[in-house]
Amino acid sequence: MLQWALLGLAILFVIVAYIVIQGTRAALAWRAAAAKGDVKVIVEIVEDSLKGWSSQKKPKEIAADVWRGVQSTQLVEVDSDFVRVSCQAESDYQMTDGRWVEKSNPLQSGLAITAKIAEMLFYELPHLRPDRIQVDVYTTYRVEDGVPSRACIISSEPDRERARSVDWDDWTGEEIADALGARYRMGERGQPLPIEVSEPKPVEETTEEHEAVQS
């Protein structure tokens, strides 16, 4: 009986070792492809990460409005060394003395969201370390006829070198966003004003171009 038990353990060890080795090989292959600028692989890595963040439980240290912004993130443009995303920021309200009071407006929330998303894109994407990123933060406006309209209120385009100068642990979201070169406009009452951003190049178009070059 002891011999059969040892044989079973040996077989189990071999199977587990094989699975680990295959997983390591796959991870190395993805990392190598991403490092070479394989846009199709980069898209898969980013979209898988965004999908995971959208379903992940909010970390205790992150404010609810900031995490909602992270979970709204979508990939809008990509290149061999560049990742561009858009996300949503809204006012954060708190019940005080029976009234809903605005705790932070979309601009204040958006700056913190910008900081968090930038940190995650630079340092938390598996097998990928983009050299440049762009984070565009949108909010909802009500125009005169009452129809909601989305507009960009914050846009930042930092590279990895600029990210290295940031104190991610001790700086506030606004300090980090400013250090990353975030562009935004503020009204007289501190409200966010729309800003202009370039139209993103469709991800599918970039992927097709890179595939054509490789073939």
N, C-alpha and C. Protein backbone atom coordinates (compact mmCIF):
# COMPACT_ATOMS: atom_id res chain seq x y z
N MET A 1 0.83 -1.21 0.00
CA MET A 1 0.00 0.00 0.00
C MET A 1 0.87 1.27 0.00
N LEU A 2 1.96 1.21 0.79
CA LEU A 2 2.85 2.37 0.85
C LEU A 2 3.47 2.67 -0.51
N GLN A 3 3.82 1.60 -1.24
CA GLN A 3 4.42 1.80 -2.56
C GLN A 3 3.45 2.48 -3.51
N TRP A 4 2.16 2.04 -3.46
CA TRP A 4 1.15 2.65 -4.34
C TRP A 4 0.91 4.12 -3.97
N ALA A 5 0.93 4.39 -2.66
CA ALA A 5 0.75 5.78 -2.21
C ALA A 5 1.89 6.66 -2.69
N LEU A 6 3.12 6.15 -2.58
CA LEU A 6 4.27 6.91 -3.05
C LEU A 6 4.22 7.12 -4.55
N LEU A 7 3.79 6.06 -5.27
CA LEU A 7 3.66 6.18 -6.73
C LEU A 7 2.63 7.24 -7.09
N GLY A 8 1.50 7.23 -6.36
CA GLY A 8 0.46 8.23 -6.62
C GLY A 8 0.97 9.65 -6.37
N LEU A 9 1.72 9.82 -5.27
CA LEU A 9 2.28 11.14 -4.97
C LEU A 9 3.28 11.58 -6.04
N ALA A 10 4.06 10.62 -6.53
CA ALA A 10 5.05 10.94 -7.56
C ALA A 10 4.35 11.38 -8.84
N ILE A 11 3.29 10.67 -9.22
CA ILE A 11 2.52 11.03 -10.43
C ILE A 11 1.90 12.42 -10.27
N LEU A 12 1.33 12.68 -9.08
CA LEU A 12 0.72 13.98 -8.82
C LEU A 12 1.76 15.09 -8.91
N PHE A 13 2.95 14.84 -8.37
CA PHE A 13 4.04 15.82 -8.43
C PHE A 13 4.42 16.12 -9.87
N VAL A 14 4.50 15.09 -10.69
CA VAL A 14 4.86 15.27 -12.10
C VAL A 14 3.80 16.11 -12.82
N ILE A 15 2.52 15.80 -12.54
CA ILE A 15 1.44 16.55 -13.19
C ILE A 15 1.47 18.01 -12.79
N VAL A 16 1.62 18.28 -11.48
CA VAL A 16 1.67 19.66 -11.01
C VAL A 16 2.87 20.40 -11.61
N ALA A 17 4.03 19.72 -11.63
CA ALA A 17 5.23 20.33 -12.20
C ALA A 17 5.04 20.67 -13.67
N TYR A 18 4.37 19.77 -14.41
CA TYR A 18 4.10 20.01 -15.84
C TYR A 18 3.21 21.23 -16.02
N ILE A 19 2.17 21.31 -15.19
CA ILE A 19 1.25 22.45 -15.29
C ILE A 19 1.98 23.76 -15.00
N VAL A 20 2.83 23.75 -13.97
CA VAL A 20 3.58 24.96 -13.62
C VAL A 20 4.54 25.35 -14.74
N ILE A 21 5.22 24.37 -15.30
CA ILE A 21 6.17 24.65 -16.38
C ILE A 21 5.46 25.22 -17.60
N GLN A 22 4.31 24.61 -17.95
CA GLN A 22 3.56 25.09 -19.10
C GLN A 22 3.04 26.51 -18.86
N GLY A 23 2.58 26.76 -17.63
CA GLY A 23 2.10 28.11 -17.31
C GLY A 23 3.22 29.13 -17.39
N THR A 24 4.40 28.75 -16.91
CA THR A 24 5.55 29.65 -16.97
C THR A 24 5.95 29.93 -18.41
N ARG A 25 5.94 28.89 -19.24
CA ARG A 25 6.28 29.07 -20.65
C ARG A 25 5.30 30.02 -21.33
N ALA A 26 4.00 29.83 -21.03
CA ALA A 26 2.98 30.69 -21.64
C ALA A 26 3.17 32.14 -21.20
N ALA A 27 3.45 32.35 -19.90
CA ALA A 27 3.66 33.70 -19.39
C ALA A 27 4.88 34.36 -20.05
N LEU A 28 5.96 33.60 -20.20
CA LEU A 28 7.16 34.12 -20.84
C LEU A 28 6.91 34.46 -22.31
N ALA A 29 6.09 33.62 -22.96
CA ALA A 29 5.77 33.87 -24.37
C ALA A 29 4.96 35.16 -24.51
N TRP A 30 3.99 35.37 -23.62
CA TRP A 30 3.18 36.58 -23.66
C TRP A 30 4.05 37.80 -23.39
N ARG A 31 4.94 37.68 -22.40
CA ARG A 31 5.81 38.80 -22.04
C ARG A 31 6.73 39.15 -23.21
N ALA A 32 7.27 38.14 -23.86
CA ALA A 32 8.17 38.38 -25.00
C ALA A 32 7.42 39.03 -26.15
N ALA A 33 6.21 38.54 -26.42
CA ALA A 33 5.41 39.11 -27.52
C ALA A 33 5.05 40.56 -27.24
N ALA A 34 4.67 40.86 -26.00
CA ALA A 34 4.33 42.23 -25.63
C ALA A 34 5.55 43.14 -25.74
N ALA A 35 6.72 42.63 -25.31
CA ALA A 35 7.95 43.42 -25.38
C ALA A 35 8.34 43.72 -26.83
N LYS A 36 7.97 42.83 -27.75
CA LYS A 36 8.27 43.04 -29.16
C LYS A 36 7.24 43.94 -29.84
N GLY A 37 6.22 44.34 -29.10
CA GLY A 37 5.22 45.24 -29.67
C GLY A 37 4.09 44.57 -30.40
N ASP A 38 3.80 43.30 -30.07
CA ASP A 38 2.68 42.60 -30.69
C ASP A 38 1.37 43.20 -30.19
N VAL A 39 0.74 44.02 -31.01
CA VAL A 39 -0.43 44.79 -30.59
C VAL A 39 -1.59 43.87 -30.22
N LYS A 40 -1.77 42.78 -30.94
CA LYS A 40 -2.87 41.86 -30.63
C LYS A 40 -2.72 41.31 -29.22
N VAL A 41 -1.51 40.93 -28.84
CA VAL A 41 -1.26 40.43 -27.49
C VAL A 41 -1.46 41.54 -26.46
N ILE A 42 -0.98 42.74 -26.77
CA ILE A 42 -1.14 43.87 -25.86
C ILE A 42 -2.61 44.15 -25.60
N VAL A 43 -3.42 44.13 -26.64
CA VAL A 43 -4.87 44.34 -26.48
C VAL A 43 -5.47 43.28 -25.56
N GLU A 44 -5.10 42.03 -25.76
CA GLU A 44 -5.63 40.96 -24.91
C GLU A 44 -5.23 41.14 -23.46
N ILE A 45 -3.98 41.52 -23.23
CA ILE A 45 -3.50 41.72 -21.86
C ILE A 45 -4.28 42.85 -21.18
N VAL A 46 -4.42 43.98 -21.87
CA VAL A 46 -5.10 45.13 -21.28
C VAL A 46 -6.58 44.84 -21.06
N GLU A 47 -7.25 44.28 -22.05
CA GLU A 47 -8.68 44.02 -21.91
C GLU A 47 -8.96 42.98 -20.84
N ASP A 48 -8.12 41.97 -20.72
CA ASP A 48 -8.29 40.98 -19.65
C ASP A 48 -8.12 41.64 -18.28
N SER A 49 -7.16 42.54 -18.18
CA SER A 49 -6.94 43.24 -16.91
C SER A 49 -8.12 44.14 -16.56
N LEU A 50 -8.62 44.89 -17.56
CA LEU A 50 -9.76 45.77 -17.31
C LEU A 50 -10.99 44.97 -16.90
N LYS A 51 -11.17 43.83 -17.52
CA LYS A 51 -12.31 42.97 -17.17
C LYS A 51 -12.16 42.49 -15.73
N GLY A 52 -10.94 42.13 -15.34
CA GLY A 52 -10.71 41.70 -13.97
C GLY A 52 -10.95 42.81 -12.97
N TRP A 53 -10.48 44.02 -13.29
CA TRP A 53 -10.69 45.15 -12.37
C TRP A 53 -12.18 45.48 -12.24
N SER A 54 -12.93 45.33 -13.33
CA SER A 54 -14.35 45.69 -13.29
C SER A 54 -15.16 44.79 -12.38
N SER A 55 -14.67 43.57 -12.15
CA SER A 55 -15.40 42.63 -11.29
C SER A 55 -14.74 42.45 -9.92
N GLN A 56 -13.61 43.11 -9.72
CA GLN A 56 -12.87 42.96 -8.47
C GLN A 56 -13.53 43.75 -7.35
N LYS A 57 -13.53 43.19 -6.15
CA LYS A 57 -14.08 43.89 -4.99
C LYS A 57 -13.23 45.10 -4.65
N LYS A 58 -13.87 46.16 -4.22
CA LYS A 58 -13.16 47.41 -3.93
C LYS A 58 -12.15 47.21 -2.80
N PRO A 59 -10.89 47.55 -3.03
CA PRO A 59 -9.91 47.52 -1.94
C PRO A 59 -10.28 48.52 -0.85
N LYS A 60 -10.01 48.19 0.39
CA LYS A 60 -10.43 49.02 1.52
C LYS A 60 -9.82 50.41 1.46
N GLU A 61 -8.60 50.53 0.95
CA GLU A 61 -7.90 51.82 0.99
C GLU A 61 -8.32 52.77 -0.13
N ILE A 62 -9.17 52.32 -1.04
CA ILE A 62 -9.57 53.14 -2.18
C ILE A 62 -11.00 53.64 -1.99
N ALA A 63 -11.22 54.92 -2.22
CA ALA A 63 -12.56 55.51 -2.07
C ALA A 63 -13.52 54.91 -3.09
N ALA A 64 -14.79 54.87 -2.72
CA ALA A 64 -15.80 54.23 -3.57
C ALA A 64 -15.91 54.91 -4.93
N ASP A 65 -15.89 56.25 -4.96
CA ASP A 65 -16.03 56.95 -6.24
C ASP A 65 -14.83 56.72 -7.14
N VAL A 66 -13.65 56.56 -6.54
CA VAL A 66 -12.44 56.29 -7.33
C VAL A 66 -12.51 54.89 -7.92
N TRP A 67 -12.96 53.92 -7.13
CA TRP A 67 -13.02 52.56 -7.64
C TRP A 67 -14.09 52.42 -8.72
N ARG A 68 -15.19 53.16 -8.59
CA ARG A 68 -16.21 53.15 -9.66
C ARG A 68 -15.59 53.65 -10.96
N GLY A 69 -14.75 54.67 -10.85
CA GLY A 69 -14.07 55.17 -12.04
C GLY A 69 -13.13 54.15 -12.64
N VAL A 70 -12.38 53.45 -11.79
CA VAL A 70 -11.48 52.40 -12.27
C VAL A 70 -12.28 51.32 -12.99
N GLN A 71 -13.41 50.94 -12.42
CA GLN A 71 -14.21 49.87 -13.01
C GLN A 71 -14.91 50.28 -14.30
N SER A 72 -14.96 51.58 -14.57
CA SER A 72 -15.58 52.06 -15.82
C SER A 72 -14.57 52.16 -16.96
N THR A 73 -13.30 51.84 -16.69
CA THR A 73 -12.23 52.04 -17.67
C THR A 73 -12.41 51.17 -18.90
N GLN A 74 -12.21 51.77 -20.08
CA GLN A 74 -12.29 51.06 -21.35
C GLN A 74 -11.07 51.40 -22.21
N LEU A 75 -10.59 50.40 -22.92
CA LEU A 75 -9.47 50.60 -23.84
C LEU A 75 -9.99 51.28 -25.11
N VAL A 76 -9.35 52.39 -25.51
CA VAL A 76 -9.81 53.10 -26.70
C VAL A 76 -8.75 53.22 -27.79
N GLU A 77 -7.47 53.06 -27.41
CA GLU A 77 -6.40 53.16 -28.41
C GLU A 77 -5.18 52.41 -27.89
N VAL A 78 -4.42 51.83 -28.80
CA VAL A 78 -3.25 51.06 -28.38
C VAL A 78 -2.21 51.08 -29.50
N ASP A 79 -0.96 50.97 -29.10
CA ASP A 79 0.14 50.81 -30.06
C ASP A 79 1.19 49.94 -29.39
N SER A 80 2.30 49.74 -30.06
CA SER A 80 3.31 48.83 -29.53
C SER A 80 3.87 49.27 -28.19
N ASP A 81 3.86 50.59 -27.91
CA ASP A 81 4.39 51.09 -26.63
C ASP A 81 3.43 52.05 -25.94
N PHE A 82 2.15 52.01 -26.33
CA PHE A 82 1.19 53.03 -25.90
C PHE A 82 -0.16 52.40 -25.59
N VAL A 83 -0.75 52.80 -24.46
CA VAL A 83 -2.08 52.35 -24.08
C VAL A 83 -2.91 53.57 -23.70
N ARG A 84 -4.06 53.72 -24.33
CA ARG A 84 -4.96 54.84 -24.02
C ARG A 84 -6.31 54.30 -23.56
N VAL A 85 -6.80 54.85 -22.45
CA VAL A 85 -8.09 54.40 -21.92
C VAL A 85 -8.96 55.61 -21.63
N SER A 86 -10.26 55.35 -21.51
CA SER A 86 -11.19 56.37 -21.05
C SER A 86 -11.96 55.82 -19.87
N CYS A 87 -12.45 56.71 -19.02
CA CYS A 87 -13.20 56.28 -17.84
C CYS A 87 -14.21 57.36 -17.48
N GLN A 88 -15.01 57.08 -16.47
CA GLN A 88 -16.10 57.97 -16.09
C GLN A 88 -15.90 58.47 -14.67
N ALA A 89 -16.19 59.76 -14.42
CA ALA A 89 -16.15 60.32 -13.07
C ALA A 89 -17.45 61.09 -12.83
N GLU A 90 -18.04 60.88 -11.67
CA GLU A 90 -19.26 61.59 -11.30
C GLU A 90 -19.09 62.14 -9.89
N SER A 91 -20.01 62.98 -9.48
CA SER A 91 -19.97 63.53 -8.12
C SER A 91 -20.17 62.41 -7.11
N ASP A 92 -19.54 62.57 -5.96
CA ASP A 92 -19.71 61.63 -4.86
C ASP A 92 -20.53 62.32 -3.77
N TYR A 93 -21.66 61.73 -3.39
CA TYR A 93 -22.57 62.34 -2.43
C TYR A 93 -22.58 61.57 -1.11
N GLN A 94 -22.90 62.31 -0.03
CA GLN A 94 -22.98 61.71 1.29
C GLN A 94 -24.20 62.29 2.01
N MET A 95 -24.94 61.43 2.72
CA MET A 95 -26.11 61.88 3.45
C MET A 95 -25.67 62.57 4.74
N THR A 96 -26.04 63.85 4.88
CA THR A 96 -25.69 64.63 6.07
C THR A 96 -26.92 65.39 6.55
N ASP A 97 -27.32 65.12 7.81
CA ASP A 97 -28.49 65.78 8.39
C ASP A 97 -29.73 65.64 7.50
N GLY A 98 -29.89 64.45 6.93
CA GLY A 98 -31.06 64.18 6.11
C GLY A 98 -31.00 64.74 4.71
N ARG A 99 -29.86 65.30 4.32
CA ARG A 99 -29.72 65.86 2.97
C ARG A 99 -28.52 65.24 2.28
N TRP A 100 -28.65 65.10 0.95
CA TRP A 100 -27.51 64.62 0.17
C TRP A 100 -26.60 65.80 -0.13
N VAL A 101 -25.36 65.71 0.33
CA VAL A 101 -24.38 66.77 0.15
C VAL A 101 -23.26 66.25 -0.76
N GLU A 102 -22.86 67.08 -1.73
CA GLU A 102 -21.78 66.69 -2.64
C GLU A 102 -20.46 66.66 -1.88
N LYS A 103 -19.90 65.47 -1.77
CA LYS A 103 -18.64 65.28 -1.07
C LYS A 103 -17.45 65.67 -1.96
N SER A 104 -17.53 65.30 -3.23
CA SER A 104 -16.51 65.70 -4.21
C SER A 104 -17.16 65.80 -5.58
N ASN A 105 -16.79 66.81 -6.36
CA ASN A 105 -17.37 66.96 -7.69
C ASN A 105 -16.62 66.08 -8.68
N PRO A 106 -17.10 65.98 -9.92
CA PRO A 106 -16.44 65.09 -10.90
C PRO A 106 -14.96 65.41 -11.14
N LEU A 107 -14.58 66.69 -11.02
CA LEU A 107 -13.18 67.04 -11.22
C LEU A 107 -12.31 66.49 -10.09
N GLN A 108 -12.76 66.66 -8.86
CA GLN A 108 -12.00 66.15 -7.72
C GLN A 108 -11.90 64.62 -7.77
N SER A 109 -13.03 63.96 -8.07
CA SER A 109 -13.01 62.50 -8.19
C SER A 109 -12.15 62.09 -9.37
N GLY A 110 -12.25 62.83 -10.48
CA GLY A 110 -11.53 62.47 -11.69
C GLY A 110 -10.02 62.53 -11.53
N LEU A 111 -9.53 63.49 -10.75
CA LEU A 111 -8.09 63.58 -10.52
C LEU A 111 -7.58 62.37 -9.75
N ALA A 112 -8.35 61.94 -8.74
CA ALA A 112 -7.97 60.74 -7.98
C ALA A 112 -8.07 59.49 -8.84
N ILE A 113 -9.08 59.45 -9.71
CA ILE A 113 -9.25 58.32 -10.63
C ILE A 113 -8.07 58.26 -11.60
N THR A 114 -7.69 59.42 -12.13
CA THR A 114 -6.54 59.50 -13.04
C THR A 114 -5.29 58.91 -12.39
N ALA A 115 -5.05 59.31 -11.14
CA ALA A 115 -3.86 58.83 -10.44
C ALA A 115 -3.89 57.32 -10.27
N LYS A 116 -5.03 56.78 -9.88
CA LYS A 116 -5.12 55.34 -9.62
C LYS A 116 -5.00 54.53 -10.89
N ILE A 117 -5.69 54.95 -11.96
CA ILE A 117 -5.63 54.22 -13.21
C ILE A 117 -4.22 54.26 -13.79
N ALA A 118 -3.58 55.42 -13.72
CA ALA A 118 -2.21 55.53 -14.23
C ALA A 118 -1.28 54.56 -13.49
N GLU A 119 -1.41 54.51 -12.17
CA GLU A 119 -0.58 53.58 -11.39
C GLU A 119 -0.82 52.13 -11.82
N MET A 120 -2.08 51.77 -12.02
CA MET A 120 -2.41 50.39 -12.39
C MET A 120 -1.91 50.05 -13.79
N LEU A 121 -2.02 51.01 -14.71
CA LEU A 121 -1.56 50.75 -16.08
C LEU A 121 -0.04 50.63 -16.15
N PHE A 122 0.66 51.42 -15.38
CA PHE A 122 2.12 51.38 -15.41
C PHE A 122 2.69 50.15 -14.69
N TYR A 123 2.02 49.73 -13.60
CA TYR A 123 2.66 48.76 -12.73
C TYR A 123 1.86 47.47 -12.46
N GLU A 124 0.61 47.39 -12.88
CA GLU A 124 -0.19 46.23 -12.52
C GLU A 124 -0.70 45.42 -13.72
N LEU A 125 -0.28 45.75 -14.91
CA LEU A 125 -0.64 44.94 -16.06
C LEU A 125 0.29 43.73 -16.12
N PRO A 126 -0.22 42.52 -16.17
CA PRO A 126 0.66 41.35 -16.23
C PRO A 126 1.36 41.25 -17.59
N HIS A 127 2.65 41.00 -17.57
CA HIS A 127 3.45 40.76 -18.78
C HIS A 127 3.60 41.99 -19.66
N LEU A 128 3.18 43.17 -19.20
CA LEU A 128 3.23 44.36 -20.05
C LEU A 128 3.64 45.58 -19.22
N ARG A 129 4.61 46.33 -19.74
CA ARG A 129 5.04 47.58 -19.12
C ARG A 129 5.04 48.67 -20.19
N PRO A 130 3.90 49.31 -20.44
CA PRO A 130 3.84 50.33 -21.50
C PRO A 130 4.75 51.51 -21.20
N ASP A 131 5.37 52.05 -22.25
CA ASP A 131 6.23 53.22 -22.09
C ASP A 131 5.40 54.50 -21.94
N ARG A 132 4.24 54.53 -22.62
CA ARG A 132 3.38 55.72 -22.56
C ARG A 132 1.94 55.29 -22.35
N ILE A 133 1.19 56.13 -21.63
CA ILE A 133 -0.24 55.88 -21.48
C ILE A 133 -0.98 57.21 -21.65
N GLN A 134 -2.28 57.09 -21.84
CA GLN A 134 -3.14 58.27 -21.84
C GLN A 134 -4.43 57.90 -21.12
N VAL A 135 -4.82 58.73 -20.17
CA VAL A 135 -6.05 58.50 -19.41
C VAL A 135 -6.97 59.69 -19.63
N ASP A 136 -8.12 59.45 -20.25
CA ASP A 136 -9.12 60.48 -20.49
C ASP A 136 -10.30 60.24 -19.56
N VAL A 137 -10.65 61.24 -18.76
CA VAL A 137 -11.75 61.12 -17.81
C VAL A 137 -12.94 61.92 -18.32
N TYR A 138 -14.09 61.27 -18.40
CA TYR A 138 -15.31 61.90 -18.89
C TYR A 138 -16.32 62.04 -17.75
N THR A 139 -17.22 63.00 -17.91
CA THR A 139 -18.34 63.12 -16.99
C THR A 139 -19.59 63.45 -17.79
N THR A 140 -20.73 63.43 -17.12
CA THR A 140 -22.01 63.66 -17.80
C THR A 140 -22.51 65.07 -17.53
N TYR A 141 -22.86 65.77 -18.59
CA TYR A 141 -23.44 67.10 -18.48
C TYR A 141 -24.91 67.04 -18.92
N ARG A 142 -25.71 67.92 -18.32
CA ARG A 142 -27.09 68.08 -18.75
C ARG A 142 -27.20 69.37 -19.55
N VAL A 143 -27.55 69.23 -20.82
CA VAL A 143 -27.69 70.42 -21.66
C VAL A 143 -29.09 70.98 -21.48
N GLU A 144 -29.38 72.08 -22.20
CA GLU A 144 -30.63 72.81 -21.97
C GLU A 144 -31.87 71.96 -22.17
N ASP A 145 -31.85 71.05 -23.13
CA ASP A 145 -33.04 70.24 -23.37
C ASP A 145 -33.12 69.03 -22.44
N GLY A 146 -32.19 68.93 -21.49
CA GLY A 146 -32.22 67.86 -20.51
C GLY A 146 -31.57 66.57 -20.95
N VAL A 147 -31.10 66.51 -22.20
CA VAL A 147 -30.47 65.30 -22.71
C VAL A 147 -29.04 65.21 -22.17
N PRO A 148 -28.66 64.08 -21.56
CA PRO A 148 -27.29 63.97 -21.03
C PRO A 148 -26.26 63.90 -22.14
N SER A 149 -25.10 64.50 -21.91
CA SER A 149 -24.02 64.51 -22.89
C SER A 149 -22.70 64.27 -22.15
N ARG A 150 -21.85 63.42 -22.70
CA ARG A 150 -20.56 63.14 -22.08
C ARG A 150 -19.49 64.06 -22.66
N ALA A 151 -18.59 64.51 -21.80
CA ALA A 151 -17.48 65.35 -22.25
C ALA A 151 -16.25 65.03 -21.42
N CYS A 152 -15.09 65.15 -22.04
CA CYS A 152 -13.84 64.90 -21.34
C CYS A 152 -13.50 66.10 -20.46
N ILE A 153 -13.12 65.84 -19.20
CA ILE A 153 -12.79 66.92 -18.28
C ILE A 153 -11.32 66.85 -17.82
N ILE A 154 -10.69 65.69 -17.97
CA ILE A 154 -9.29 65.54 -17.59
C ILE A 154 -8.60 64.62 -18.59
N SER A 155 -7.41 64.99 -19.01
CA SER A 155 -6.63 64.12 -19.89
C SER A 155 -5.16 64.20 -19.50
N SER A 156 -4.53 63.07 -19.37
CA SER A 156 -3.10 63.04 -19.03
C SER A 156 -2.40 62.06 -19.96
N GLU A 157 -1.16 62.38 -20.35
CA GLU A 157 -0.39 61.56 -21.28
C GLU A 157 1.03 61.36 -20.77
N PRO A 158 1.21 60.75 -19.61
CA PRO A 158 2.56 60.59 -19.06
C PRO A 158 3.32 59.43 -19.68
N ASP A 159 4.63 59.50 -19.61
CA ASP A 159 5.46 58.36 -19.98
C ASP A 159 6.03 57.74 -18.71
N ARG A 160 6.71 56.62 -18.86
CA ARG A 160 7.20 55.89 -17.69
C ARG A 160 8.25 56.69 -16.91
N GLU A 161 9.05 57.47 -17.62
CA GLU A 161 10.05 58.28 -16.94
C GLU A 161 9.41 59.28 -16.00
N ARG A 162 8.32 59.92 -16.45
CA ARG A 162 7.62 60.86 -15.59
C ARG A 162 6.97 60.13 -14.41
N ALA A 163 6.47 58.93 -14.66
CA ALA A 163 5.83 58.16 -13.59
C ALA A 163 6.81 57.82 -12.47
N ARG A 164 8.10 57.66 -12.82
CA ARG A 164 9.10 57.33 -11.81
C ARG A 164 9.32 58.46 -10.81
N SER A 165 8.95 59.68 -11.18
CA SER A 165 9.15 60.82 -10.29
C SER A 165 8.00 61.00 -9.30
N VAL A 166 6.99 60.16 -9.40
CA VAL A 166 5.78 60.29 -8.58
C VAL A 166 5.93 59.49 -7.29
N ASP A 167 5.49 60.08 -6.19
CA ASP A 167 5.42 59.35 -4.92
C ASP A 167 4.02 58.76 -4.81
N TRP A 168 3.86 57.53 -5.29
CA TRP A 168 2.54 56.91 -5.38
C TRP A 168 1.92 56.62 -4.01
N ASP A 169 2.73 56.52 -2.99
CA ASP A 169 2.21 56.15 -1.67
C ASP A 169 1.76 57.35 -0.84
N ASP A 170 2.46 58.47 -0.93
CA ASP A 170 2.20 59.58 -0.02
C ASP A 170 1.53 60.79 -0.65
N TRP A 171 1.60 60.93 -1.98
CA TRP A 171 0.97 62.09 -2.62
C TRP A 171 -0.53 61.88 -2.75
N THR A 172 -1.27 62.98 -2.77
CA THR A 172 -2.72 62.91 -3.01
C THR A 172 -2.97 62.64 -4.50
N GLY A 173 -4.22 62.25 -4.80
CA GLY A 173 -4.57 62.01 -6.20
C GLY A 173 -4.35 63.24 -7.06
N GLU A 174 -4.69 64.41 -6.54
CA GLU A 174 -4.50 65.65 -7.30
C GLU A 174 -3.02 65.92 -7.54
N GLU A 175 -2.18 65.70 -6.53
CA GLU A 175 -0.74 65.92 -6.69
C GLU A 175 -0.15 64.97 -7.72
N ILE A 176 -0.61 63.71 -7.69
CA ILE A 176 -0.11 62.74 -8.66
C ILE A 176 -0.56 63.11 -10.07
N ALA A 177 -1.85 63.46 -10.21
CA ALA A 177 -2.38 63.82 -11.53
C ALA A 177 -1.64 65.03 -12.10
N ASP A 178 -1.39 66.03 -11.26
CA ASP A 178 -0.65 67.21 -11.72
C ASP A 178 0.77 66.84 -12.13
N ALA A 179 1.41 65.95 -11.35
CA ALA A 179 2.77 65.53 -11.68
C ALA A 179 2.81 64.75 -12.99
N LEU A 180 1.71 64.09 -13.32
CA LEU A 180 1.63 63.33 -14.57
C LEU A 180 1.24 64.21 -15.75
N GLY A 181 1.06 65.51 -15.50
CA GLY A 181 0.75 66.44 -16.58
C GLY A 181 -0.71 66.48 -16.97
N ALA A 182 -1.59 66.20 -16.03
CA ALA A 182 -3.03 66.20 -16.34
C ALA A 182 -3.50 67.57 -16.80
N ARG A 183 -4.30 67.59 -17.86
CA ARG A 183 -4.91 68.82 -18.37
C ARG A 183 -6.36 68.87 -17.92
N TYR A 184 -6.79 70.00 -17.38
CA TYR A 184 -8.19 70.18 -16.99
C TYR A 184 -8.47 71.67 -16.83
N ARG A 185 -9.75 72.01 -16.86
CA ARG A 185 -10.17 73.40 -16.67
C ARG A 185 -11.20 73.45 -15.54
N MET A 186 -11.14 74.53 -14.78
CA MET A 186 -12.03 74.66 -13.63
C MET A 186 -12.83 75.95 -13.72
N GLY A 187 -14.13 75.86 -13.46
CA GLY A 187 -14.98 77.04 -13.47
C GLY A 187 -14.84 77.86 -12.20
N GLU A 188 -15.60 78.94 -12.11
CA GLU A 188 -15.50 79.85 -10.97
C GLU A 188 -15.87 79.16 -9.66
N ARG A 189 -16.79 78.21 -9.70
CA ARG A 189 -17.21 77.50 -8.49
C ARG A 189 -16.48 76.18 -8.30
N GLY A 190 -15.40 76.00 -9.04
CA GLY A 190 -14.62 74.77 -8.91
C GLY A 190 -15.16 73.62 -9.72
N GLN A 191 -16.17 73.88 -10.55
CA GLN A 191 -16.76 72.81 -11.36
C GLN A 191 -15.89 72.51 -12.58
N PRO A 192 -15.90 71.28 -13.06
CA PRO A 192 -15.09 70.94 -14.22
C PRO A 192 -15.67 71.51 -15.50
N LEU A 193 -14.79 71.92 -16.41
CA LEU A 193 -15.20 72.40 -17.72
C LEU A 193 -14.66 71.44 -18.78
N PRO A 194 -15.39 71.27 -19.88
CA PRO A 194 -14.93 70.35 -20.93
C PRO A 194 -13.61 70.78 -21.53
N ILE A 195 -12.82 69.80 -21.94
CA ILE A 195 -11.56 70.06 -22.64
C ILE A 195 -11.55 69.27 -23.95
N GLU A 196 -10.69 69.69 -24.86
CA GLU A 196 -10.57 69.01 -26.15
C GLU A 196 -9.53 67.89 -26.06
N VAL A 197 -9.85 66.75 -26.64
CA VAL A 197 -8.88 65.66 -26.76
C VAL A 197 -8.94 65.12 -28.18
N SER A 198 -7.85 64.55 -28.64
CA SER A 198 -7.81 64.01 -30.00
C SER A 198 -8.67 62.76 -30.11
N GLU A 199 -9.18 62.53 -31.30
CA GLU A 199 -9.96 61.32 -31.55
C GLU A 199 -9.04 60.10 -31.49
N PRO A 200 -9.43 59.07 -30.76
CA PRO A 200 -8.57 57.87 -30.71
C PRO A 200 -8.60 57.10 -32.01
N LYS A 201 -7.49 56.48 -32.33
CA LYS A 201 -7.43 55.61 -33.49
C LYS A 201 -8.03 54.26 -33.11
N PRO A 202 -8.99 53.75 -33.88
CA PRO A 202 -9.65 52.49 -33.52
C PRO A 202 -8.65 51.37 -33.26
N VAL A 203 -8.89 50.60 -32.21
CA VAL A 203 -8.00 49.51 -31.84
C VAL A 203 -7.90 48.49 -32.97
N GLU A 204 -9.03 48.20 -33.61
CA GLU A 204 -9.05 47.21 -34.69
C GLU A 204 -8.16 47.63 -35.85
N GLU A 205 -8.17 48.93 -36.15
CA GLU A 205 -7.36 49.44 -37.26
C GLU A 205 -5.87 49.29 -36.97
N THR A 206 -5.47 49.62 -35.74
CA THR A 206 -4.07 49.48 -35.36
C THR A 206 -3.63 48.02 -35.39
N THR A 207 -4.50 47.14 -34.89
CA THR A 207 -4.18 45.71 -34.89
C THR A 207 -3.99 45.19 -36.30
N GLU A 208 -4.87 45.58 -37.22
CA GLU A 208 -4.77 45.14 -38.61
C GLU A 208 -3.49 45.65 -39.26
N GLU A 209 -3.11 46.89 -38.97
CA GLU A 209 -1.90 47.47 -39.54
C GLU A 209 -0.66 46.70 -39.08
N HIS A 210 -0.58 46.38 -37.81
CA HIS A 210 0.57 45.66 -37.28
C HIS A 210 0.62 44.24 -37.83
N GLU A 211 -0.54 43.60 -37.98
CA GLU A 211 -0.58 42.26 -38.54
C GLU A 211 -0.11 42.27 -39.99
N ALA A 212 -0.48 43.32 -40.73
CA ALA A 212 -0.07 43.44 -42.13
C ALA A 212 1.44 43.61 -42.24
N VAL A 213 2.03 44.40 -41.33
CA VAL A 213 3.47 44.62 -41.33
C VAL A 213 4.21 43.34 -41.01
N GLN A 214 3.71 42.56 -40.04
CA GLN A 214 4.36 41.32 -39.63
C GLN A 214 4.27 40.25 -40.72
N SER A 215 3.18 40.27 -41.48
CA SER A 215 3.02 39.27 -42.54
C SER A 215 3.84 39.64 -43.78
